[in-house]
Amino acid sequence: MSDNVSIFAVAKRAGCSIATVSNVLNNKGRVGEDTRKLVLKAIDDLGYRTNSAGRNLRLRKTEVLGLLFYPSCARVFRNIFYAEVMEGLEEQLLKMGYHLLLAGYQASVRESNIPDFLRRGKVDGMVLLGGFPGEVIRKFCEVKTPLLLLDSNVEWPVDSVISDGFSAEVKIVDCLVERGHREIVMLAYDMEDSNIDLRVQGFLAGLQKNGLEGGASRVIRNALSHDEIYDTLKKRLRGANPPTAAVAVNDTLAVAMMKRLARDGIRVPRDVSMVGYDDDDISAAAIPPLSTVRVDKKKLGKVGAELILKRVENADCPVTKLSLPTELIIRDSVARLPVRG
């Protein structure tokens, strides 16, 4: 009987998911009788040990994963996007017998230290949720604990899961151009964030694909506050060749702009169309309902759970970078412009 057989090996032998194996082991969930027999046979064939306490002592596993936020827990918990991602992450981890240790990370980049619970090996792996600066991520890479970037990415070899913001922005531009828009701008925060970078790149690629002039003038990314971003947008709307459509990097920014436009008597979509990203609850509730990009947030978390546990089980497995598909949702915030004569 082998002490090193993993639940992943059982799932592979049985031809099912690790969640199904977990359900059989714990007698939970709905598992068909034929599938249950396959799983039990795989367990017997491979000699999989179900005594997690003994296995953990031998393999020095805690069955706990760390989940770290940046820049703070408060900001993340106020963000409905991350709340749904965490729901999917925790739901999948619990099915696989793991628990989460949650923590914030408020230190500045220069003064940041690796959390003590990570250095002391109190967790089997670490998930970094949100837009951590590259310098902070590098410090985490110095610790040999398995690491996952969830909803962010870096160029060097670290497992990551993001939504496909590049393709989504190309689709947005295609849609706007099909509806007659030529003067289009993108609104983004002036901060280090891989998702923002990717979406901006996709937006500019979409302009190029449709034969429209691109460049820095097409992107408003000069501030962090909504008021400052809006001031720049309003100047553009009052200048020569005003934009007929604005594409925001997320729904929060898009809705904030729509509220300020309404306050100043600028109507969406009659005077300017607006598109967001994420399909948070605020998008459908906005006036008018906001066109956006739908991200399957729970799936993002579930896929992240599977990926970090794969790394926990095999520290030498190839690095995996996943980009999940999105769906463009067109609502009343996008107008179709009259055909030019």
C-alpha atoms as a PDB file:
ATOM      1  CA  MET A   1       0.000   0.000   0.000  1.00  0.00           C
ATOM      2  CA  SER A   2       1.476   3.355  -1.049  1.00  0.00           C
ATOM      3  CA  ASP A   3       1.594   6.317   1.341  1.00  0.00           C
ATOM      4  CA  ASN A   4       1.941   8.783  -1.510  1.00  0.00           C
ATOM      5  CA  VAL A   5      -1.210   8.111  -3.521  1.00  0.00           C
ATOM      6  CA  SER A   6      -3.151  11.359  -3.963  1.00  0.00           C
ATOM      7  CA  ILE A   7      -6.817  12.077  -4.474  1.00  0.00           C
ATOM      8  CA  PHE A   8      -5.828  13.330  -7.941  1.00  0.00           C
ATOM      9  CA  ALA A   9      -4.497   9.867  -8.811  1.00  0.00           C
ATOM     10  CA  VAL A  10      -7.749   8.274  -7.641  1.00  0.00           C
ATOM     11  CA  ALA A  11      -9.788  10.715  -9.742  1.00  0.00           C
ATOM     12  CA  LYS A  12      -7.641  10.008 -12.797  1.00  0.00           C
ATOM     13  CA  ARG A  13      -7.958   6.241 -12.385  1.00  0.00           C
ATOM     14  CA  ALA A  14     -11.752   6.497 -11.921  1.00  0.00           C
ATOM     15  CA  GLY A  15     -12.156   8.981 -14.778  1.00  0.00           C
ATOM     16  CA  CYS A  16     -13.955  11.579 -12.664  1.00  0.00           C
ATOM     17  CA  SER A  17     -13.292  14.844 -10.834  1.00  0.00           C
ATOM     18  CA  ILE A  18     -11.537  15.113  -7.491  1.00  0.00           C
ATOM     19  CA  ALA A  19     -14.743  16.633  -6.094  1.00  0.00           C
ATOM     20  CA  THR A  20     -16.553  13.391  -6.971  1.00  0.00           C
ATOM     21  CA  VAL A  21     -13.876  11.348  -5.201  1.00  0.00           C
ATOM     22  CA  SER A  22     -14.215  13.601  -2.155  1.00  0.00           C
ATOM     23  CA  ASN A  23     -17.998  13.147  -2.166  1.00  0.00           C
ATOM     24  CA  VAL A  24     -17.607   9.356  -2.249  1.00  0.00           C
ATOM     25  CA  LEU A  25     -15.059   9.412   0.586  1.00  0.00           C
ATOM     26  CA  ASN A  26     -17.280  11.633   2.723  1.00  0.00           C
ATOM     27  CA  ASN A  27     -20.588  10.124   1.598  1.00  0.00           C
ATOM     28  CA  LYS A  28     -21.819  13.531   0.440  1.00  0.00           C
ATOM     29  CA  GLY A  29     -23.399  14.914  -2.686  1.00  0.00           C
ATOM     30  CA  ARG A  30     -25.139  13.060  -5.471  1.00  0.00           C
ATOM     31  CA  VAL A  31     -22.923  10.428  -7.032  1.00  0.00           C
ATOM     32  CA  GLY A  32     -24.317   7.774  -9.388  1.00  0.00           C
ATOM     33  CA  GLU A  33     -23.910   4.181  -8.295  1.00  0.00           C
ATOM     34  CA  ASP A  34     -21.750   3.252 -11.289  1.00  0.00           C
ATOM     35  CA  THR A  35     -19.430   6.214 -10.623  1.00  0.00           C
ATOM     36  CA  ARG A  36     -19.280   5.374  -6.923  1.00  0.00           C
ATOM     37  CA  LYS A  37     -18.187   1.808  -7.739  1.00  0.00           C
ATOM     38  CA  LEU A  38     -15.470   3.114 -10.079  1.00  0.00           C
ATOM     39  CA  VAL A  39     -14.138   5.441  -7.378  1.00  0.00           C
ATOM     40  CA  LEU A  40     -14.138   2.726  -4.696  1.00  0.00           C
ATOM     41  CA  LYS A  41     -12.356   0.337  -7.047  1.00  0.00           C
ATOM     42  CA  ALA A  42      -9.721   2.985  -7.837  1.00  0.00           C
ATOM     43  CA  ILE A  43      -9.215   3.557  -4.110  1.00  0.00           C
ATOM     44  CA  ASP A  44      -8.713  -0.172  -3.565  1.00  0.00           C
ATOM     45  CA  ASP A  45      -6.456  -0.596  -6.617  1.00  0.00           C
ATOM     46  CA  LEU A  46      -4.200   2.307  -5.687  1.00  0.00           C
ATOM     47  CA  GLY A  47      -4.252   1.799  -1.930  1.00  0.00           C
ATOM     48  CA  TYR A  48      -5.387   5.349  -1.233  1.00  0.00           C
ATOM     49  CA  ARG A  49      -5.338   6.154   2.504  1.00  0.00           C
ATOM     50  CA  THR A  50      -8.426   7.964   3.783  1.00  0.00           C
ATOM     51  CA  ASN A  51      -6.963   8.707   7.214  1.00  0.00           C
ATOM     52  CA  SER A  52      -6.217  12.377   6.679  1.00  0.00           C
ATOM     53  CA  ALA A  53      -4.693  12.909  10.127  1.00  0.00           C
ATOM     54  CA  GLY A  54      -2.109  10.198   9.592  1.00  0.00           C
ATOM     55  CA  ARG A  55      -1.454  11.302   6.030  1.00  0.00           C
ATOM     56  CA  ASN A  56      -0.980  14.903   7.111  1.00  0.00           C
ATOM     57  CA  LEU A  57       1.566  13.940   9.765  1.00  0.00           C
ATOM     58  CA  ARG A  58       3.575  11.932   7.262  1.00  0.00           C
ATOM     59  CA  LEU A  59       3.435  14.507   4.505  1.00  0.00           C
ATOM     60  CA  ARG A  60       3.488  17.559   6.803  1.00  0.00           C
ATOM     61  CA  LYS A  61       0.213  18.851   5.409  1.00  0.00           C
ATOM     62  CA  THR A  62      -2.117  21.195   7.292  1.00  0.00           C
ATOM     63  CA  GLU A  63      -5.112  21.023   4.903  1.00  0.00           C
ATOM     64  CA  VAL A  64      -5.218  24.825   5.241  1.00  0.00           C
ATOM     65  CA  LEU A  65      -4.585  27.357   2.472  1.00  0.00           C
ATOM     66  CA  GLY A  66      -3.800  31.008   3.017  1.00  0.00           C
ATOM     67  CA  LEU A  67      -5.854  33.627   1.160  1.00  0.00           C
ATOM     68  CA  LEU A  68      -4.249  37.045   1.126  1.00  0.00           C
ATOM     69  CA  PHE A  69      -5.792  40.317  -0.070  1.00  0.00           C
ATOM     70  CA  TYR A  70      -4.220  43.520  -1.307  1.00  0.00           C
ATOM     71  CA  PRO A  71      -4.281  46.287  -0.242  1.00  0.00           C
ATOM     72  CA  SER A  72      -6.700  45.425   2.593  1.00  0.00           C
ATOM     73  CA  CYS A  73      -9.487  43.103   3.669  1.00  0.00           C
ATOM     74  CA  ALA A  74     -11.896  46.040   3.930  1.00  0.00           C
ATOM     75  CA  ARG A  75     -11.573  47.007   0.266  1.00  0.00           C
ATOM     76  CA  VAL A  76     -11.908  43.436  -0.946  1.00  0.00           C
ATOM     77  CA  PHE A  77     -14.928  42.646   1.237  1.00  0.00           C
ATOM     78  CA  ARG A  78     -16.704  45.730  -0.129  1.00  0.00           C
ATOM     79  CA  ASN A  79     -16.124  44.442  -3.650  1.00  0.00           C
ATOM     80  CA  ILE A  80     -18.945  42.140  -4.824  1.00  0.00           C
ATOM     81  CA  PHE A  81     -16.677  40.732  -7.541  1.00  0.00           C
ATOM     82  CA  TYR A  82     -14.200  39.331  -5.044  1.00  0.00           C
ATOM     83  CA  ALA A  83     -16.960  38.148  -2.710  1.00  0.00           C
ATOM     84  CA  GLU A  84     -18.261  35.866  -5.461  1.00  0.00           C
ATOM     85  CA  VAL A  85     -14.757  34.699  -6.384  1.00  0.00           C
ATOM     86  CA  MET A  86     -14.127  33.779  -2.742  1.00  0.00           C
ATOM     87  CA  GLU A  87     -17.432  31.928  -2.591  1.00  0.00           C
ATOM     88  CA  GLY A  88     -16.391  29.711  -5.489  1.00  0.00           C
ATOM     89  CA  LEU A  89     -12.893  29.245  -4.068  1.00  0.00           C
ATOM     90  CA  GLU A  90     -14.057  28.212  -0.611  1.00  0.00           C
ATOM     91  CA  GLU A  91     -16.878  26.015  -1.908  1.00  0.00           C
ATOM     92  CA  GLN A  92     -14.481  23.990  -4.024  1.00  0.00           C
ATOM     93  CA  LEU A  93     -11.794  23.768  -1.338  1.00  0.00           C
ATOM     94  CA  LEU A  94     -14.268  22.473   1.239  1.00  0.00           C
ATOM     95  CA  LYS A  95     -15.309  19.730  -1.167  1.00  0.00           C
ATOM     96  CA  MET A  96     -11.658  18.749  -1.345  1.00  0.00           C
ATOM     97  CA  GLY A  97     -11.131  18.770   2.421  1.00  0.00           C
ATOM     98  CA  TYR A  98      -9.323  22.106   2.726  1.00  0.00           C
ATOM     99  CA  HIS A  99      -9.983  25.278   4.704  1.00  0.00           C
ATOM    100  CA  LEU A 100      -9.023  28.921   4.180  1.00  0.00           C
ATOM    101  CA  LEU A 101      -7.011  31.208   6.410  1.00  0.00           C
ATOM    102  CA  LEU A 102      -7.914  34.786   5.437  1.00  0.00           C
ATOM    103  CA  ALA A 103      -5.629  37.769   5.905  1.00  0.00           C
ATOM    104  CA  GLY A 104      -5.077  41.295   4.602  1.00  0.00           C
ATOM    105  CA  TYR A 105      -1.833  42.803   3.387  1.00  0.00           C
ATOM    106  CA  GLN A 106      -1.692  46.508   4.159  1.00  0.00           C
ATOM    107  CA  ALA A 107       2.053  47.147   4.306  1.00  0.00           C
ATOM    108  CA  SER A 108       3.693  49.340   1.715  1.00  0.00           C
ATOM    109  CA  VAL A 109       5.655  47.640  -1.034  1.00  0.00           C
ATOM    110  CA  ARG A 110       9.006  48.779   0.350  1.00  0.00           C
ATOM    111  CA  GLU A 111       8.265  47.728   3.928  1.00  0.00           C
ATOM    112  CA  SER A 112       6.223  44.603   3.200  1.00  0.00           C
ATOM    113  CA  ASN A 113       7.125  41.386   4.973  1.00  0.00           C
ATOM    114  CA  ILE A 114       6.022  37.849   4.286  1.00  0.00           C
ATOM    115  CA  PRO A 115       3.316  36.874   6.838  1.00  0.00           C
ATOM    116  CA  ASP A 116       4.623  34.837   9.734  1.00  0.00           C
ATOM    117  CA  PHE A 117       2.095  32.035   9.193  1.00  0.00           C
ATOM    118  CA  LEU A 118       3.541  31.513   5.709  1.00  0.00           C
ATOM    119  CA  ARG A 119       7.173  31.507   6.794  1.00  0.00           C
ATOM    120  CA  ARG A 120       6.395  29.024   9.572  1.00  0.00           C
ATOM    121  CA  GLY A 121       4.660  26.595   7.214  1.00  0.00           C
ATOM    122  CA  LYS A 122       1.237  26.940   8.802  1.00  0.00           C
ATOM    123  CA  VAL A 123      -0.436  26.651   5.384  1.00  0.00           C
ATOM    124  CA  ASP A 124       0.021  24.219   2.506  1.00  0.00           C
ATOM    125  CA  GLY A 125      -0.316  26.919  -0.132  1.00  0.00           C
ATOM    126  CA  MET A 126      -1.040  30.592  -0.643  1.00  0.00           C
ATOM    127  CA  VAL A 127      -3.581  32.341  -2.873  1.00  0.00           C
ATOM    128  CA  LEU A 128      -2.982  36.013  -3.649  1.00  0.00           C
ATOM    129  CA  LEU A 129      -6.321  37.590  -4.561  1.00  0.00           C
ATOM    130  CA  GLY A 130      -6.381  40.861  -6.482  1.00  0.00           C
ATOM    131  CA  GLY A 131      -3.834  43.215  -7.961  1.00  0.00           C
ATOM    132  CA  PHE A 132      -0.690  42.691  -5.909  1.00  0.00           C
ATOM    133  CA  PRO A 133       2.284  44.794  -7.084  1.00  0.00           C
ATOM    134  CA  GLY A 134       4.959  42.795  -8.855  1.00  0.00           C
ATOM    135  CA  GLU A 135       7.566  43.540  -6.200  1.00  0.00           C
ATOM    136  CA  VAL A 136       5.319  42.050  -3.508  1.00  0.00           C
ATOM    137  CA  ILE A 137       4.654  38.937  -5.592  1.00  0.00           C
ATOM    138  CA  ARG A 138       8.403  38.431  -6.035  1.00  0.00           C
ATOM    139  CA  LYS A 139       8.827  38.369  -2.265  1.00  0.00           C
ATOM    140  CA  PHE A 140       6.201  35.657  -1.965  1.00  0.00           C
ATOM    141  CA  CYS A 141       7.981  33.660  -4.648  1.00  0.00           C
ATOM    142  CA  GLU A 142      11.068  33.552  -2.416  1.00  0.00           C
ATOM    143  CA  VAL A 143       9.145  31.318  -0.025  1.00  0.00           C
ATOM    144  CA  LYS A 144       8.876  27.775  -1.376  1.00  0.00           C
ATOM    145  CA  THR A 145       5.202  27.381  -0.416  1.00  0.00           C
ATOM    146  CA  PRO A 146       2.928  26.728  -3.448  1.00  0.00           C
ATOM    147  CA  LEU A 147       1.535  30.015  -4.783  1.00  0.00           C
ATOM    148  CA  LEU A 148      -1.437  30.997  -6.946  1.00  0.00           C
ATOM    149  CA  LEU A 149      -2.339  34.410  -8.365  1.00  0.00           C
ATOM    150  CA  LEU A 150      -6.136  34.640  -8.542  1.00  0.00           C
ATOM    151  CA  ASP A 151      -7.516  37.356 -10.831  1.00  0.00           C
ATOM    152  CA  SER A 152      -4.020  38.629 -11.579  1.00  0.00           C
ATOM    153  CA  ASN A 153      -0.927  37.546 -13.472  1.00  0.00           C
ATOM    154  CA  VAL A 154       2.786  38.194 -13.936  1.00  0.00           C
ATOM    155  CA  GLU A 155       5.167  37.286 -16.733  1.00  0.00           C
ATOM    156  CA  TRP A 156       7.402  35.025 -14.670  1.00  0.00           C
ATOM    157  CA  PRO A 157       6.474  31.388 -13.861  1.00  0.00           C
ATOM    158  CA  VAL A 158       3.711  31.492 -11.243  1.00  0.00           C
ATOM    159  CA  ASP A 159       0.348  29.711 -11.522  1.00  0.00           C
ATOM    160  CA  SER A 160      -2.480  32.156 -12.266  1.00  0.00           C
ATOM    161  CA  VAL A 161      -6.165  32.353 -13.205  1.00  0.00           C
ATOM    162  CA  ILE A 162      -7.700  35.431 -14.827  1.00  0.00           C
ATOM    163  CA  SER A 163     -10.593  36.314 -17.095  1.00  0.00           C
ATOM    164  CA  ASP A 164      -9.802  36.925 -20.764  1.00  0.00           C
ATOM    165  CA  GLY A 165      -9.899  40.713 -20.661  1.00  0.00           C
ATOM    166  CA  PHE A 166      -7.978  41.107 -23.901  1.00  0.00           C
ATOM    167  CA  SER A 167     -10.498  39.260 -26.081  1.00  0.00           C
ATOM    168  CA  ALA A 168     -13.390  40.859 -24.213  1.00  0.00           C
ATOM    169  CA  GLU A 169     -12.224  44.380 -25.023  1.00  0.00           C
ATOM    170  CA  VAL A 170     -11.742  43.496 -28.691  1.00  0.00           C
ATOM    171  CA  LYS A 171     -15.357  42.287 -28.750  1.00  0.00           C
ATOM    172  CA  ILE A 172     -16.517  45.513 -27.113  1.00  0.00           C
ATOM    173  CA  VAL A 173     -14.834  47.638 -29.761  1.00  0.00           C
ATOM    174  CA  ASP A 174     -16.242  45.401 -32.520  1.00  0.00           C
ATOM    175  CA  CYS A 175     -19.722  45.864 -31.081  1.00  0.00           C
ATOM    176  CA  LEU A 176     -19.408  49.635 -30.761  1.00  0.00           C
ATOM    177  CA  VAL A 177     -18.042  50.011 -34.280  1.00  0.00           C
ATOM    178  CA  GLU A 178     -20.885  47.866 -35.648  1.00  0.00           C
ATOM    179  CA  ARG A 179     -23.264  50.319 -33.978  1.00  0.00           C
ATOM    180  CA  GLY A 180     -21.666  53.262 -35.692  1.00  0.00           C
ATOM    181  CA  HIS A 181     -19.192  54.485 -33.047  1.00  0.00           C
ATOM    182  CA  ARG A 182     -15.793  55.737 -34.172  1.00  0.00           C
ATOM    183  CA  GLU A 183     -14.757  58.106 -31.374  1.00  0.00           C
ATOM    184  CA  ILE A 184     -14.252  55.704 -28.475  1.00  0.00           C
ATOM    185  CA  VAL A 185     -12.215  56.155 -25.291  1.00  0.00           C
ATOM    186  CA  MET A 186     -11.244  53.807 -22.482  1.00  0.00           C
ATOM    187  CA  LEU A 187     -11.412  54.729 -18.797  1.00  0.00           C
ATOM    188  CA  ALA A 188      -9.013  53.053 -16.357  1.00  0.00           C
ATOM    189  CA  TYR A 189      -7.310  53.607 -13.019  1.00  0.00           C
ATOM    190  CA  ASP A 190      -3.723  54.819 -12.888  1.00  0.00           C
ATOM    191  CA  MET A 191      -2.312  51.893 -10.919  1.00  0.00           C
ATOM    192  CA  GLU A 192      -0.186  48.791 -11.376  1.00  0.00           C
ATOM    193  CA  ASP A 193      -2.677  46.074 -12.279  1.00  0.00           C
ATOM    194  CA  SER A 194      -2.249  43.246 -14.775  1.00  0.00           C
ATOM    195  CA  ASN A 195      -5.973  43.095 -15.553  1.00  0.00           C
ATOM    196  CA  ILE A 196      -6.102  46.791 -16.390  1.00  0.00           C
ATOM    197  CA  ASP A 197      -3.031  46.417 -18.600  1.00  0.00           C
ATOM    198  CA  LEU A 198      -4.555  43.456 -20.421  1.00  0.00           C
ATOM    199  CA  ARG A 199      -7.882  45.202 -21.008  1.00  0.00           C
ATOM    200  CA  VAL A 200      -6.206  48.344 -22.275  1.00  0.00           C
ATOM    201  CA  GLN A 201      -4.124  46.240 -24.673  1.00  0.00           C
ATOM    202  CA  GLY A 202      -7.280  44.511 -25.905  1.00  0.00           C
ATOM    203  CA  PHE A 203      -9.053  47.842 -26.380  1.00  0.00           C
ATOM    204  CA  LEU A 204      -6.197  49.247 -28.463  1.00  0.00           C
ATOM    205  CA  ALA A 205      -6.002  46.006 -30.461  1.00  0.00           C
ATOM    206  CA  GLY A 206      -9.727  46.328 -31.137  1.00  0.00           C
ATOM    207  CA  LEU A 207      -9.270  49.853 -32.453  1.00  0.00           C
ATOM    208  CA  GLN A 208      -6.457  48.696 -34.731  1.00  0.00           C
ATOM    209  CA  LYS A 209      -8.518  45.739 -35.958  1.00  0.00           C
ATOM    210  CA  ASN A 210     -11.302  48.124 -36.977  1.00  0.00           C
ATOM    211  CA  GLY A 211      -9.006  50.620 -38.683  1.00  0.00           C
ATOM    212  CA  LEU A 212      -9.370  53.287 -36.001  1.00  0.00           C
ATOM    213  CA  GLU A 213      -6.598  55.483 -34.687  1.00  0.00           C
ATOM    214  CA  GLY A 214      -5.268  54.261 -31.342  1.00  0.00           C
ATOM    215  CA  GLY A 215      -2.554  55.556 -29.049  1.00  0.00           C
ATOM    216  CA  ALA A 216      -2.420  57.092 -25.596  1.00  0.00           C
ATOM    217  CA  SER A 217      -5.039  59.722 -26.415  1.00  0.00           C
ATOM    218  CA  ARG A 218      -7.650  56.986 -26.604  1.00  0.00           C
ATOM    219  CA  VAL A 219      -7.059  55.897 -22.980  1.00  0.00           C
ATOM    220  CA  ILE A 220      -7.903  58.013 -19.940  1.00  0.00           C
ATOM    221  CA  ARG A 221      -5.697  56.535 -17.229  1.00  0.00           C
ATOM    222  CA  ASN A 222      -4.365  59.517 -15.362  1.00  0.00           C
ATOM    223  CA  ALA A 223      -5.919  59.210 -11.893  1.00  0.00           C
ATOM    224  CA  LEU A 224      -7.223  56.912  -9.170  1.00  0.00           C
ATOM    225  CA  SER A 225     -10.269  58.878  -8.021  1.00  0.00           C
ATOM    226  CA  HIS A 226     -13.567  58.795  -9.885  1.00  0.00           C
ATOM    227  CA  ASP A 227     -13.862  62.582  -9.733  1.00  0.00           C
ATOM    228  CA  GLU A 228     -10.505  63.113 -11.446  1.00  0.00           C
ATOM    229  CA  ILE A 229     -11.229  60.528 -14.119  1.00  0.00           C
ATOM    230  CA  TYR A 230     -14.603  62.144 -14.737  1.00  0.00           C
ATOM    231  CA  ASP A 231     -13.074  65.611 -15.025  1.00  0.00           C
ATOM    232  CA  THR A 232     -10.892  64.346 -17.866  1.00  0.00           C
ATOM    233  CA  LEU A 233     -13.808  62.582 -19.551  1.00  0.00           C
ATOM    234  CA  LYS A 234     -15.974  65.697 -19.318  1.00  0.00           C
ATOM    235  CA  LYS A 235     -13.259  67.798 -20.959  1.00  0.00           C
ATOM    236  CA  ARG A 236     -13.100  65.296 -23.804  1.00  0.00           C
ATOM    237  CA  LEU A 237     -16.865  65.415 -24.218  1.00  0.00           C
ATOM    238  CA  ARG A 238     -16.748  69.209 -24.505  1.00  0.00           C
ATOM    239  CA  GLY A 239     -13.756  69.286 -26.844  1.00  0.00           C
ATOM    240  CA  ALA A 240     -13.240  68.661 -30.538  1.00  0.00           C
ATOM    241  CA  ASN A 241     -14.227  65.199 -31.801  1.00  0.00           C
ATOM    242  CA  PRO A 242     -15.931  64.200 -28.525  1.00  0.00           C
ATOM    243  CA  PRO A 243     -16.200  60.484 -27.802  1.00  0.00           C
ATOM    244  CA  THR A 244     -19.544  58.873 -28.552  1.00  0.00           C
ATOM    245  CA  ALA A 245     -18.707  55.873 -26.360  1.00  0.00           C
ATOM    246  CA  ALA A 246     -16.605  55.174 -23.269  1.00  0.00           C
ATOM    247  CA  VAL A 247     -15.365  51.758 -22.166  1.00  0.00           C
ATOM    248  CA  ALA A 248     -14.632  51.476 -18.428  1.00  0.00           C
ATOM    249  CA  VAL A 249     -12.217  48.951 -16.958  1.00  0.00           C
ATOM    250  CA  ASN A 250     -14.920  47.688 -14.564  1.00  0.00           C
ATOM    251  CA  ASP A 251     -18.571  48.222 -13.641  1.00  0.00           C
ATOM    252  CA  THR A 252     -17.750  50.267 -10.555  1.00  0.00           C
ATOM    253  CA  LEU A 253     -15.987  52.895 -12.652  1.00  0.00           C
ATOM    254  CA  ALA A 254     -18.645  52.807 -15.394  1.00  0.00           C
ATOM    255  CA  VAL A 255     -21.528  53.344 -12.957  1.00  0.00           C
ATOM    256  CA  ALA A 256     -19.616  56.111 -11.164  1.00  0.00           C
ATOM    257  CA  MET A 257     -19.182  57.897 -14.506  1.00  0.00           C
ATOM    258  CA  MET A 258     -22.871  57.431 -15.400  1.00  0.00           C
ATOM    259  CA  LYS A 259     -23.961  59.037 -12.133  1.00  0.00           C
ATOM    260  CA  ARG A 260     -21.724  62.041 -12.699  1.00  0.00           C
ATOM    261  CA  LEU A 261     -22.835  62.385 -16.312  1.00  0.00           C
ATOM    262  CA  ALA A 262     -26.480  62.364 -15.206  1.00  0.00           C
ATOM    263  CA  ARG A 263     -25.717  65.008 -12.594  1.00  0.00           C
ATOM    264  CA  ASP A 264     -24.326  67.259 -15.316  1.00  0.00           C
ATOM    265  CA  GLY A 265     -27.221  66.662 -17.690  1.00  0.00           C
ATOM    266  CA  ILE A 266     -25.239  64.408 -20.044  1.00  0.00           C
ATOM    267  CA  ARG A 267     -27.459  61.473 -20.935  1.00  0.00           C
ATOM    268  CA  VAL A 268     -26.440  57.853 -21.449  1.00  0.00           C
ATOM    269  CA  PRO A 269     -26.714  56.590 -24.160  1.00  0.00           C
ATOM    270  CA  ARG A 270     -28.077  59.565 -26.114  1.00  0.00           C
ATOM    271  CA  ASP A 271     -25.015  61.762 -25.562  1.00  0.00           C
ATOM    272  CA  VAL A 272     -22.448  59.045 -24.869  1.00  0.00           C
ATOM    273  CA  SER A 273     -22.628  55.259 -24.628  1.00  0.00           C
ATOM    274  CA  MET A 274     -21.035  53.382 -21.719  1.00  0.00           C
ATOM    275  CA  VAL A 275     -19.685  49.833 -21.288  1.00  0.00           C
ATOM    276  CA  GLY A 276     -18.287  48.236 -18.123  1.00  0.00           C
ATOM    277  CA  TYR A 277     -16.659  44.936 -17.172  1.00  0.00           C
ATOM    278  CA  ASP A 278     -17.487  42.183 -14.610  1.00  0.00           C
ATOM    279  CA  ASP A 279     -21.339  42.123 -14.743  1.00  0.00           C
ATOM    280  CA  ASP A 280     -21.676  42.908 -11.045  1.00  0.00           C
ATOM    281  CA  ASP A 281     -25.161  43.436  -9.620  1.00  0.00           C
ATOM    282  CA  ILE A 282     -24.798  47.193  -9.992  1.00  0.00           C
ATOM    283  CA  SER A 283     -24.620  46.896 -13.773  1.00  0.00           C
ATOM    284  CA  ALA A 284     -28.158  45.570 -14.266  1.00  0.00           C
ATOM    285  CA  ALA A 285     -29.493  47.943 -11.588  1.00  0.00           C
ATOM    286  CA  ALA A 286     -27.906  51.045 -13.144  1.00  0.00           C
ATOM    287  CA  ILE A 287     -30.005  53.665 -14.938  1.00  0.00           C
ATOM    288  CA  PRO A 288     -29.938  52.871 -17.789  1.00  0.00           C
ATOM    289  CA  PRO A 289     -28.874  49.204 -17.357  1.00  0.00           C
ATOM    290  CA  LEU A 290     -25.168  48.976 -18.105  1.00  0.00           C
ATOM    291  CA  SER A 291     -23.684  47.007 -20.978  1.00  0.00           C
ATOM    292  CA  THR A 292     -20.819  44.947 -19.629  1.00  0.00           C
ATOM    293  CA  VAL A 293     -18.661  41.828 -19.825  1.00  0.00           C
ATOM    294  CA  ARG A 294     -19.903  38.860 -17.831  1.00  0.00           C
ATOM    295  CA  VAL A 295     -17.271  37.010 -15.835  1.00  0.00           C
ATOM    296  CA  ASP A 296     -18.153  33.704 -14.183  1.00  0.00           C
ATOM    297  CA  LYS A 297     -16.764  34.724 -10.809  1.00  0.00           C
ATOM    298  CA  LYS A 298     -17.566  31.527  -8.937  1.00  0.00           C
ATOM    299  CA  LYS A 299     -15.916  29.493 -11.681  1.00  0.00           C
ATOM    300  CA  LEU A 300     -12.852  31.720 -11.395  1.00  0.00           C
ATOM    301  CA  GLY A 301     -12.634  30.766  -7.721  1.00  0.00           C
ATOM    302  CA  LYS A 302     -13.332  27.070  -8.305  1.00  0.00           C
ATOM    303  CA  VAL A 303     -10.710  26.770 -11.032  1.00  0.00           C
ATOM    304  CA  GLY A 304      -8.272  28.579  -8.754  1.00  0.00           C
ATOM    305  CA  ALA A 305      -8.951  26.054  -5.984  1.00  0.00           C
ATOM    306  CA  GLU A 306      -8.243  23.126  -8.288  1.00  0.00           C
ATOM    307  CA  LEU A 307      -5.052  24.733  -9.559  1.00  0.00           C
ATOM    308  CA  ILE A 308      -3.535  25.567  -6.159  1.00  0.00           C
ATOM    309  CA  LEU A 309      -4.268  22.062  -4.842  1.00  0.00           C
ATOM    310  CA  LYS A 310      -2.676  20.556  -7.927  1.00  0.00           C
ATOM    311  CA  ARG A 311       0.450  22.542  -7.034  1.00  0.00           C
ATOM    312  CA  VAL A 312       0.216  21.440  -3.381  1.00  0.00           C
ATOM    313  CA  GLU A 313       0.089  17.786  -4.458  1.00  0.00           C
ATOM    314  CA  ASN A 314       2.950  18.170  -6.930  1.00  0.00           C
ATOM    315  CA  ALA A 315       5.311  21.089  -6.473  1.00  0.00           C
ATOM    316  CA  ASP A 316       7.165  20.160  -9.673  1.00  0.00           C
ATOM    317  CA  CYS A 317       4.191  20.119 -12.046  1.00  0.00           C
ATOM    318  CA  PRO A 318       4.350  22.541 -15.025  1.00  0.00           C
ATOM    319  CA  VAL A 319       3.288  26.137 -14.370  1.00  0.00           C
ATOM    320  CA  THR A 320      -0.295  26.762 -15.494  1.00  0.00           C
ATOM    321  CA  LYS A 321      -1.704  30.117 -16.568  1.00  0.00           C
ATOM    322  CA  LEU A 322      -5.432  30.022 -17.306  1.00  0.00           C
ATOM    323  CA  SER A 323      -7.549  32.697 -19.001  1.00  0.00           C
ATOM    324  CA  LEU A 324     -11.278  32.023 -18.648  1.00  0.00           C
ATOM    325  CA  PRO A 325     -13.687  33.086 -21.419  1.00  0.00           C
ATOM    326  CA  THR A 326     -16.164  35.922 -20.924  1.00  0.00           C
ATOM    327  CA  GLU A 327     -19.492  36.982 -22.423  1.00  0.00           C
ATOM    328  CA  LEU A 328     -20.399  40.421 -23.782  1.00  0.00           C
ATOM    329  CA  ILE A 329     -23.765  41.625 -22.434  1.00  0.00           C
ATOM    330  CA  ILE A 330     -25.370  44.527 -24.313  1.00  0.00           C
ATOM    331  CA  ARG A 331     -27.985  46.515 -22.422  1.00  0.00           C
ATOM    332  CA  ASP A 332     -29.533  49.973 -22.796  1.00  0.00           C
ATOM    333  CA  SER A 333     -26.351  51.973 -22.143  1.00  0.00           C
ATOM    334  CA  VAL A 334     -25.137  51.511 -25.743  1.00  0.00           C
ATOM    335  CA  ALA A 335     -26.825  53.429 -28.558  1.00  0.00           C
ATOM    336  CA  ARG A 336     -26.849  52.657 -32.246  1.00  0.00           C
ATOM    337  CA  LEU A 337     -25.753  55.804 -34.069  1.00  0.00           C
ATOM    338  CA  PRO A 338     -27.466  56.980 -37.273  1.00  0.00           C
ATOM    339  CA  VAL A 339     -25.853  55.764 -40.468  1.00  0.00           C
ATOM    340  CA  ARG A 340     -23.687  58.489 -41.976  1.00  0.00           C
ATOM    341  CA  GLY A 341     -24.856  59.695 -45.360  1.00  0.00           C
END
